[in-house]
Amino acid sequence: MSSLLGAILIGLVAGAIAKFLMPGKDPGGIIITILLGVVGAVVASYLGQWLNIYEEGQQAGLIGAVVGAMLLLLIYRLFKKSA
């Protein structure tokens, strides 16, 4: 449970950094970007554990979470433009 909380906290920061690194108009604004950062951090944590990059219970680092958030933000932007 604490690893999930850590991933969420890192995701909050990662979402804000991703928004800073990928400026532009987002359909959901900063709130959606931060939520994407949280999801990106959680996904990066479990994916990293699955790929044996992280040990069990270890959350993704800030860089991994930022990359995950930026990737999700890019996918979100592409999806919202086509819809």
PDB file of N, CA and C in Angstrom:
ATOM      1  N   MET A   1       0.819  -1.191   0.000  1.00  0.00           N
ATOM      2  CA  MET A   1       0.000   0.000   0.000  1.00  0.00           C
ATOM      3  C   MET A   1       0.869   1.264   0.000  1.00  0.00           C
ATOM      4  N   SER A   2       1.985   1.221   0.724  1.00  0.00           N
ATOM      5  CA  SER A   2       2.843   2.408   0.771  1.00  0.00           C
ATOM      6  C   SER A   2       3.515   2.670  -0.570  1.00  0.00           C
ATOM      7  N   SER A   3       3.759   1.607  -1.359  1.00  0.00           N
ATOM      8  CA  SER A   3       4.353   1.825  -2.676  1.00  0.00           C
ATOM      9  C   SER A   3       3.361   2.525  -3.603  1.00  0.00           C
ATOM     10  N   LEU A   4       2.076   2.233  -3.456  1.00  0.00           N
ATOM     11  CA  LEU A   4       1.055   2.913  -4.243  1.00  0.00           C
ATOM     12  C   LEU A   4       0.976   4.385  -3.852  1.00  0.00           C
ATOM     13  N   LEU A   5       1.051   4.673  -2.563  1.00  0.00           N
ATOM     14  CA  LEU A   5       1.033   6.064  -2.094  1.00  0.00           C
ATOM     15  C   LEU A   5       2.258   6.817  -2.592  1.00  0.00           C
ATOM     16  N   GLY A   6       3.407   6.168  -2.587  1.00  0.00           N
ATOM     17  CA  GLY A   6       4.623   6.792  -3.102  1.00  0.00           C
ATOM     18  C   GLY A   6       4.517   7.087  -4.585  1.00  0.00           C
ATOM     19  N   ALA A   7       3.934   6.144  -5.337  1.00  0.00           N
ATOM     20  CA  ALA A   7       3.753   6.353  -6.773  1.00  0.00           C
ATOM     21  C   ALA A   7       2.794   7.516  -7.035  1.00  0.00           C
ATOM     22  N   ILE A   8       1.786   7.652  -6.220  1.00  0.00           N
ATOM     23  CA  ILE A   8       0.837   8.756  -6.384  1.00  0.00           C
ATOM     24  C   ILE A   8       1.507  10.094  -6.101  1.00  0.00           C
ATOM     25  N   LEU A   9       2.299  10.155  -5.043  1.00  0.00           N
ATOM     26  CA  LEU A   9       2.988  11.404  -4.715  1.00  0.00           C
ATOM     27  C   LEU A   9       3.995  11.783  -5.800  1.00  0.00           C
ATOM     28  N   ILE A  10       4.737  10.815  -6.280  1.00  0.00           N
ATOM     29  CA  ILE A  10       5.678  11.085  -7.365  1.00  0.00           C
ATOM     30  C   ILE A  10       4.913  11.485  -8.618  1.00  0.00           C
ATOM     31  N   GLY A  11       3.760  10.866  -8.846  1.00  0.00           N
ATOM     32  CA  GLY A  11       2.939  11.182 -10.004  1.00  0.00           C
ATOM     33  C   GLY A  11       2.424  12.604 -10.000  1.00  0.00           C
ATOM     34  N   LEU A  12       2.114  13.122  -8.830  1.00  0.00           N
ATOM     35  CA  LEU A  12       1.678  14.525  -8.739  1.00  0.00           C
ATOM     36  C   LEU A  12       2.764  15.460  -9.245  1.00  0.00           C
ATOM     37  N   VAL A  13       3.986  15.209  -8.798  1.00  0.00           N
ATOM     38  CA  VAL A  13       5.115  16.027  -9.233  1.00  0.00           C
ATOM     39  C   VAL A  13       5.405  15.776 -10.714  1.00  0.00           C
ATOM     40  N   ALA A  14       5.346  14.509 -11.127  1.00  0.00           N
ATOM     41  CA  ALA A  14       5.626  14.163 -12.519  1.00  0.00           C
ATOM     42  C   ALA A  14       4.621  14.799 -13.466  1.00  0.00           C
ATOM     43  N   GLY A  15       3.362  14.847 -13.086  1.00  0.00           N
ATOM     44  CA  GLY A  15       2.344  15.476 -13.922  1.00  0.00           C
ATOM     45  C   GLY A  15       2.603  16.955 -14.111  1.00  0.00           C
ATOM     46  N   ALA A  16       3.005  17.622 -13.044  1.00  0.00           N
ATOM     47  CA  ALA A  16       3.311  19.050 -13.137  1.00  0.00           C
ATOM     48  C   ALA A  16       4.541  19.285 -14.022  1.00  0.00           C
ATOM     49  N   ILE A  17       5.556  18.437 -13.889  1.00  0.00           N
ATOM     50  CA  ILE A  17       6.755  18.572 -14.721  1.00  0.00           C
ATOM     51  C   ILE A  17       6.421  18.274 -16.180  1.00  0.00           C
ATOM     52  N   ALA A  18       5.594  17.257 -16.423  1.00  0.00           N
ATOM     53  CA  ALA A  18       5.204  16.912 -17.797  1.00  0.00           C
ATOM     54  C   ALA A  18       4.455  18.073 -18.442  1.00  0.00           C
ATOM     55  N   LYS A  19       3.597  18.733 -17.690  1.00  0.00           N
ATOM     56  CA  LYS A  19       2.867  19.884 -18.217  1.00  0.00           C
ATOM     57  C   LYS A  19       3.839  21.015 -18.546  1.00  0.00           C
ATOM     58  N   PHE A  20       4.852  21.194 -17.726  1.00  0.00           N
ATOM     59  CA  PHE A  20       5.859  22.223 -17.972  1.00  0.00           C
ATOM     60  C   PHE A  20       6.685  21.902 -19.220  1.00  0.00           C
ATOM     61  N   LEU A  21       7.035  20.621 -19.392  1.00  0.00           N
ATOM     62  CA  LEU A  21       7.868  20.206 -20.523  1.00  0.00           C
ATOM     63  C   LEU A  21       7.090  20.104 -21.831  1.00  0.00           C
ATOM     64  N   MET A  22       5.778  19.921 -21.741  1.00  0.00           N
ATOM     65  CA  MET A  22       4.932  19.809 -22.924  1.00  0.00           C
ATOM     66  C   MET A  22       3.864  20.903 -22.881  1.00  0.00           C
ATOM     67  N   PRO A  23       4.277  22.145 -23.075  1.00  0.00           N
ATOM     68  CA  PRO A  23       3.288  23.225 -22.987  1.00  0.00           C
ATOM     69  C   PRO A  23       2.304  23.149 -24.148  1.00  0.00           C
ATOM     70  N   GLY A  24       1.216  23.813 -23.972  1.00  0.00           N
ATOM     71  CA  GLY A  24       0.193  23.828 -25.010  1.00  0.00           C
ATOM     72  C   GLY A  24      -1.173  23.661 -24.388  1.00  0.00           C
ATOM     73  N   LYS A  25      -2.150  23.761 -25.218  1.00  0.00           N
ATOM     74  CA  LYS A  25      -3.535  23.668 -24.757  1.00  0.00           C
ATOM     75  C   LYS A  25      -3.911  22.204 -24.587  1.00  0.00           C
ATOM     76  N   ASP A  26      -4.272  21.856 -23.396  1.00  0.00           N
ATOM     77  CA  ASP A  26      -4.758  20.510 -23.115  1.00  0.00           C
ATOM     78  C   ASP A  26      -6.256  20.582 -22.885  1.00  0.00           C
ATOM     79  N   PRO A  27      -6.995  19.609 -23.398  1.00  0.00           N
ATOM     80  CA  PRO A  27      -8.444  19.625 -23.226  1.00  0.00           C
ATOM     81  C   PRO A  27      -8.883  19.620 -21.764  1.00  0.00           C
ATOM     82  N   GLY A  28      -8.075  19.072 -20.862  1.00  0.00           N
ATOM     83  CA  GLY A  28      -8.474  18.981 -19.468  1.00  0.00           C
ATOM     84  C   GLY A  28      -7.733  19.925 -18.545  1.00  0.00           C
ATOM     85  N   GLY A  29      -6.735  20.612 -19.029  1.00  0.00           N
ATOM     86  CA  GLY A  29      -5.972  21.524 -18.193  1.00  0.00           C
ATOM     87  C   GLY A  29      -5.019  20.811 -17.262  1.00  0.00           C
ATOM     88  N   ILE A  30      -4.578  21.526 -16.254  1.00  0.00           N
ATOM     89  CA  ILE A  30      -3.551  21.031 -15.337  1.00  0.00           C
ATOM     90  C   ILE A  30      -4.049  19.864 -14.482  1.00  0.00           C
ATOM     91  N   ILE A  31      -5.331  19.844 -14.156  1.00  0.00           N
ATOM     92  CA  ILE A  31      -5.866  18.757 -13.323  1.00  0.00           C
ATOM     93  C   ILE A  31      -5.734  17.417 -14.049  1.00  0.00           C
ATOM     94  N   ILE A  32      -6.126  17.373 -15.318  1.00  0.00           N
ATOM     95  CA  ILE A  32      -6.001  16.139 -16.098  1.00  0.00           C
ATOM     96  C   ILE A  32      -4.531  15.766 -16.257  1.00  0.00           C
ATOM     97  N   THR A  33      -3.674  16.749 -16.460  1.00  0.00           N
ATOM     98  CA  THR A  33      -2.246  16.476 -16.607  1.00  0.00           C
ATOM     99  C   THR A  33      -1.683  15.848 -15.342  1.00  0.00           C
ATOM    100  N   ILE A  34      -2.064  16.348 -14.187  1.00  0.00           N
ATOM    101  CA  ILE A  34      -1.589  15.781 -12.927  1.00  0.00           C
ATOM    102  C   ILE A  34      -2.142  14.375 -12.736  1.00  0.00           C
ATOM    103  N   LEU A  35      -3.407  14.163 -13.090  1.00  0.00           N
ATOM    104  CA  LEU A  35      -3.970  12.816 -12.989  1.00  0.00           C
ATOM    105  C   LEU A  35      -3.247  11.848 -13.925  1.00  0.00           C
ATOM    106  N   LEU A  36      -2.896  12.328 -15.119  1.00  0.00           N
ATOM    107  CA  LEU A  36      -2.114  11.497 -16.029  1.00  0.00           C
ATOM    108  C   LEU A  36      -0.736  11.197 -15.447  1.00  0.00           C
ATOM    109  N   GLY A  37      -0.174  12.147 -14.718  1.00  0.00           N
ATOM    110  CA  GLY A  37       1.105  11.914 -14.039  1.00  0.00           C
ATOM    111  C   GLY A  37       0.999  10.842 -12.980  1.00  0.00           C
ATOM    112  N   VAL A  38      -0.083  10.858 -12.226  1.00  0.00           N
ATOM    113  CA  VAL A  38      -0.303   9.834 -11.203  1.00  0.00           C
ATOM    114  C   VAL A  38      -0.444   8.466 -11.859  1.00  0.00           C
ATOM    115  N   VAL A  39      -1.269   8.394 -12.905  1.00  0.00           N
ATOM    116  CA  VAL A  39      -1.459   7.120 -13.603  1.00  0.00           C
ATOM    117  C   VAL A  39      -0.146   6.673 -14.252  1.00  0.00           C
ATOM    118  N   GLY A  40       0.586   7.623 -14.836  1.00  0.00           N
ATOM    119  CA  GLY A  40       1.874   7.298 -15.442  1.00  0.00           C
ATOM    120  C   GLY A  40       2.863   6.738 -14.424  1.00  0.00           C
ATOM    121  N   ALA A  41       2.881   7.298 -13.236  1.00  0.00           N
ATOM    122  CA  ALA A  41       3.780   6.814 -12.187  1.00  0.00           C
ATOM    123  C   ALA A  41       3.388   5.422 -11.716  1.00  0.00           C
ATOM    124  N   VAL A  42       2.091   5.193 -11.551  1.00  0.00           N
ATOM    125  CA  VAL A  42       1.633   3.870 -11.110  1.00  0.00           C
ATOM    126  C   VAL A  42       1.926   2.824 -12.179  1.00  0.00           C
ATOM    127  N   VAL A  43       1.621   3.160 -13.432  1.00  0.00           N
ATOM    128  CA  VAL A  43       1.891   2.229 -14.532  1.00  0.00           C
ATOM    129  C   VAL A  43       3.390   1.978 -14.659  1.00  0.00           C
ATOM    130  N   ALA A  44       4.195   3.038 -14.568  1.00  0.00           N
ATOM    131  CA  ALA A  44       5.652   2.878 -14.657  1.00  0.00           C
ATOM    132  C   ALA A  44       6.175   2.000 -13.525  1.00  0.00           C
ATOM    133  N   SER A  45       5.588   2.120 -12.347  1.00  0.00           N
ATOM    134  CA  SER A  45       6.007   1.295 -11.215  1.00  0.00           C
ATOM    135  C   SER A  45       5.740  -0.181 -11.481  1.00  0.00           C
ATOM    136  N   TYR A  46       4.516  -0.504 -11.878  1.00  0.00           N
ATOM    137  CA  TYR A  46       4.173  -1.903 -12.105  1.00  0.00           C
ATOM    138  C   TYR A  46       4.856  -2.466 -13.348  1.00  0.00           C
ATOM    139  N   LEU A  47       5.000  -1.659 -14.385  1.00  0.00           N
ATOM    140  CA  LEU A  47       5.698  -2.103 -15.583  1.00  0.00           C
ATOM    141  C   LEU A  47       7.179  -2.336 -15.272  1.00  0.00           C
ATOM    142  N   GLY A  48       7.776  -1.440 -14.493  1.00  0.00           N
ATOM    143  CA  GLY A  48       9.175  -1.604 -14.101  1.00  0.00           C
ATOM    144  C   GLY A  48       9.395  -2.838 -13.247  1.00  0.00           C
ATOM    145  N   GLN A  49       8.436  -3.150 -12.378  1.00  0.00           N
ATOM    146  CA  GLN A  49       8.539  -4.367 -11.572  1.00  0.00           C
ATOM    147  C   GLN A  49       8.389  -5.599 -12.454  1.00  0.00           C
ATOM    148  N   TRP A  50       7.494  -5.524 -13.438  1.00  0.00           N
ATOM    149  CA  TRP A  50       7.277  -6.645 -14.352  1.00  0.00           C
ATOM    150  C   TRP A  50       8.516  -6.897 -15.208  1.00  0.00           C
ATOM    151  N   LEU A  51       9.192  -5.819 -15.616  1.00  0.00           N
ATOM    152  CA  LEU A  51      10.395  -5.933 -16.436  1.00  0.00           C
ATOM    153  C   LEU A  51      11.664  -6.127 -15.602  1.00  0.00           C
ATOM    154  N   ASN A  52      11.509  -6.260 -14.287  1.00  0.00           N
ATOM    155  CA  ASN A  52      12.617  -6.432 -13.344  1.00  0.00           C
ATOM    156  C   ASN A  52      13.563  -5.233 -13.326  1.00  0.00           C
ATOM    157  N   ILE A  53      13.054  -4.058 -13.626  1.00  0.00           N
ATOM    158  CA  ILE A  53      13.831  -2.830 -13.485  1.00  0.00           C
ATOM    159  C   ILE A  53      13.793  -2.393 -12.027  1.00  0.00           C
ATOM    160  N   TYR A  54      12.624  -2.543 -11.423  1.00  0.00           N
ATOM    161  CA  TYR A  54      12.431  -2.218 -10.008  1.00  0.00           C
ATOM    162  C   TYR A  54      12.156  -3.506  -9.252  1.00  0.00           C
ATOM    163  N   GLU A  55      12.540  -3.497  -7.974  1.00  0.00           N
ATOM    164  CA  GLU A  55      12.228  -4.640  -7.120  1.00  0.00           C
ATOM    165  C   GLU A  55      10.766  -4.569  -6.706  1.00  0.00           C
ATOM    166  N   GLU A  56      10.261  -5.687  -6.230  1.00  0.00           N
ATOM    167  CA  GLU A  56       8.870  -5.723  -5.790  1.00  0.00           C
ATOM    168  C   GLU A  56       8.656  -4.716  -4.663  1.00  0.00           C
ATOM    169  N   GLY A  57       7.626  -3.905  -4.795  1.00  0.00           N
ATOM    170  CA  GLY A  57       7.333  -2.881  -3.806  1.00  0.00           C
ATOM    171  C   GLY A  57       8.028  -1.553  -4.055  1.00  0.00           C
ATOM    172  N   GLN A  58       8.930  -1.518  -4.999  1.00  0.00           N
ATOM    173  CA  GLN A  58       9.658  -0.281  -5.306  1.00  0.00           C
ATOM    174  C   GLN A  58       8.887   0.501  -6.365  1.00  0.00           C
ATOM    175  N   GLN A  59       8.687   1.794  -6.134  1.00  0.00           N
ATOM    176  CA  GLN A  59       7.960   2.611  -7.114  1.00  0.00           C
ATOM    177  C   GLN A  59       8.923   3.212  -8.129  1.00  0.00           C
ATOM    178  N   ALA A  60       8.329   3.661  -9.230  1.00  0.00           N
ATOM    179  CA  ALA A  60       9.122   4.285 -10.291  1.00  0.00           C
ATOM    180  C   ALA A  60       9.758   5.560  -9.773  1.00  0.00           C
ATOM    181  N   GLY A  61      10.914   5.856 -10.298  1.00  0.00           N
ATOM    182  CA  GLY A  61      11.579   7.094  -9.948  1.00  0.00           C
ATOM    183  C   GLY A  61      10.916   8.271 -10.642  1.00  0.00           C
ATOM    184  N   LEU A  62      11.369   9.437 -10.318  1.00  0.00           N
ATOM    185  CA  LEU A  62      10.773  10.642 -10.865  1.00  0.00           C
ATOM    186  C   LEU A  62      10.927  10.706 -12.380  1.00  0.00           C
ATOM    187  N   ILE A  63      12.078  10.322 -12.883  1.00  0.00           N
ATOM    188  CA  ILE A  63      12.300  10.377 -14.336  1.00  0.00           C
ATOM    189  C   ILE A  63      11.363   9.406 -15.055  1.00  0.00           C
ATOM    190  N   GLY A  64      11.237   8.196 -14.549  1.00  0.00           N
ATOM    191  CA  GLY A  64      10.321   7.231 -15.149  1.00  0.00           C
ATOM    192  C   GLY A  64       8.888   7.709 -15.118  1.00  0.00           C
ATOM    193  N   ALA A  65       8.500   8.328 -14.013  1.00  0.00           N
ATOM    194  CA  ALA A  65       7.140   8.841 -13.892  1.00  0.00           C
ATOM    195  C   ALA A  65       6.890  10.008 -14.849  1.00  0.00           C
ATOM    196  N   VAL A  66       7.889  10.876 -15.017  1.00  0.00           N
ATOM    197  CA  VAL A  66       7.741  12.006 -15.948  1.00  0.00           C
ATOM    198  C   VAL A  66       7.620  11.495 -17.376  1.00  0.00           C
ATOM    199  N   VAL A  67       8.446  10.521 -17.746  1.00  0.00           N
ATOM    200  CA  VAL A  67       8.369   9.951 -19.094  1.00  0.00           C
ATOM    201  C   VAL A  67       7.005   9.288 -19.305  1.00  0.00           C
ATOM    202  N   GLY A  68       6.536   8.546 -18.310  1.00  0.00           N
ATOM    203  CA  GLY A  68       5.215   7.928 -18.405  1.00  0.00           C
ATOM    204  C   GLY A  68       4.114   8.955 -18.526  1.00  0.00           C
ATOM    205  N   ALA A  69       4.206  10.034 -17.758  1.00  0.00           N
ATOM    206  CA  ALA A  69       3.198  11.091 -17.817  1.00  0.00           C
ATOM    207  C   ALA A  69       3.216  11.796 -19.160  1.00  0.00           C
ATOM    208  N   MET A  70       4.402  12.044 -19.700  1.00  0.00           N
ATOM    209  CA  MET A  70       4.496  12.699 -21.005  1.00  0.00           C
ATOM    210  C   MET A  70       3.931  11.805 -22.106  1.00  0.00           C
ATOM    211  N   LEU A  71       4.192  10.524 -22.024  1.00  0.00           N
ATOM    212  CA  LEU A  71       3.651   9.591 -23.009  1.00  0.00           C
ATOM    213  C   LEU A  71       2.129   9.541 -22.928  1.00  0.00           C
ATOM    214  N   LEU A  72       1.597   9.452 -21.728  1.00  0.00           N
ATOM    215  CA  LEU A  72       0.142   9.445 -21.564  1.00  0.00           C
ATOM    216  C   LEU A  72      -0.473  10.773 -21.999  1.00  0.00           C
ATOM    217  N   LEU A  73       0.205  11.876 -21.727  1.00  0.00           N
ATOM    218  CA  LEU A  73      -0.292  13.186 -22.152  1.00  0.00           C
ATOM    219  C   LEU A  73      -0.325  13.284 -23.666  1.00  0.00           C
ATOM    220  N   LEU A  74       0.699  12.778 -24.321  1.00  0.00           N
ATOM    221  CA  LEU A  74       0.729  12.775 -25.780  1.00  0.00           C
ATOM    222  C   LEU A  74      -0.413  11.931 -26.351  1.00  0.00           C
ATOM    223  N   ILE A  75      -0.611  10.742 -25.805  1.00  0.00           N
ATOM    224  CA  ILE A  75      -1.708   9.876 -26.252  1.00  0.00           C
ATOM    225  C   ILE A  75      -3.050  10.553 -25.996  1.00  0.00           C
ATOM    226  N   TYR A  76      -3.194  11.193 -24.841  1.00  0.00           N
ATOM    227  CA  TYR A  76      -4.431  11.889 -24.495  1.00  0.00           C
ATOM    228  C   TYR A  76      -4.710  13.019 -25.485  1.00  0.00           C
ATOM    229  N   ARG A  77      -3.684  13.787 -25.822  1.00  0.00           N
ATOM    230  CA  ARG A  77      -3.855  14.884 -26.786  1.00  0.00           C
ATOM    231  C   ARG A  77      -4.266  14.358 -28.151  1.00  0.00           C
ATOM    232  N   LEU A  78      -3.634  13.289 -28.602  1.00  0.00           N
ATOM    233  CA  LEU A  78      -3.976  12.699 -29.903  1.00  0.00           C
ATOM    234  C   LEU A  78      -5.401  12.177 -29.902  1.00  0.00           C
ATOM    235  N   PHE A  79      -5.801  11.545 -28.824  1.00  0.00           N
ATOM    236  CA  PHE A  79      -7.144  10.985 -28.713  1.00  0.00           C
ATOM    237  C   PHE A  79      -8.199  12.095 -28.697  1.00  0.00           C
ATOM    238  N   LYS A  80      -7.947  13.151 -27.944  1.00  0.00           N
ATOM    239  CA  LYS A  80      -8.915  14.245 -27.828  1.00  0.00           C
ATOM    240  C   LYS A  80      -9.023  15.046 -29.121  1.00  0.00           C
ATOM    241  N   LYS A  81      -7.935  15.160 -29.898  1.00  0.00           N
ATOM    242  CA  LYS A  81      -7.996  15.879 -31.163  1.00  0.00           C
ATOM    243  C   LYS A  81      -8.830  15.127 -32.189  1.00  0.00           C
ATOM    244  N   SER A  82      -8.717  13.803 -32.188  1.00  0.00           N
ATOM    245  CA  SER A  82      -9.448  13.010 -33.169  1.00  0.00           C
ATOM    246  C   SER A  82     -10.925  12.875 -32.805  1.00  0.00           C
ATOM    247  N   ALA A  83     -11.246  13.066 -31.550  1.00  0.00           N
ATOM    248  CA  ALA A  83     -12.646  12.913 -31.118  1.00  0.00           C
ATOM    249  C   ALA A  83     -13.474  14.143 -31.329  1.00  0.00           C
TER     250      ALA A  83
END
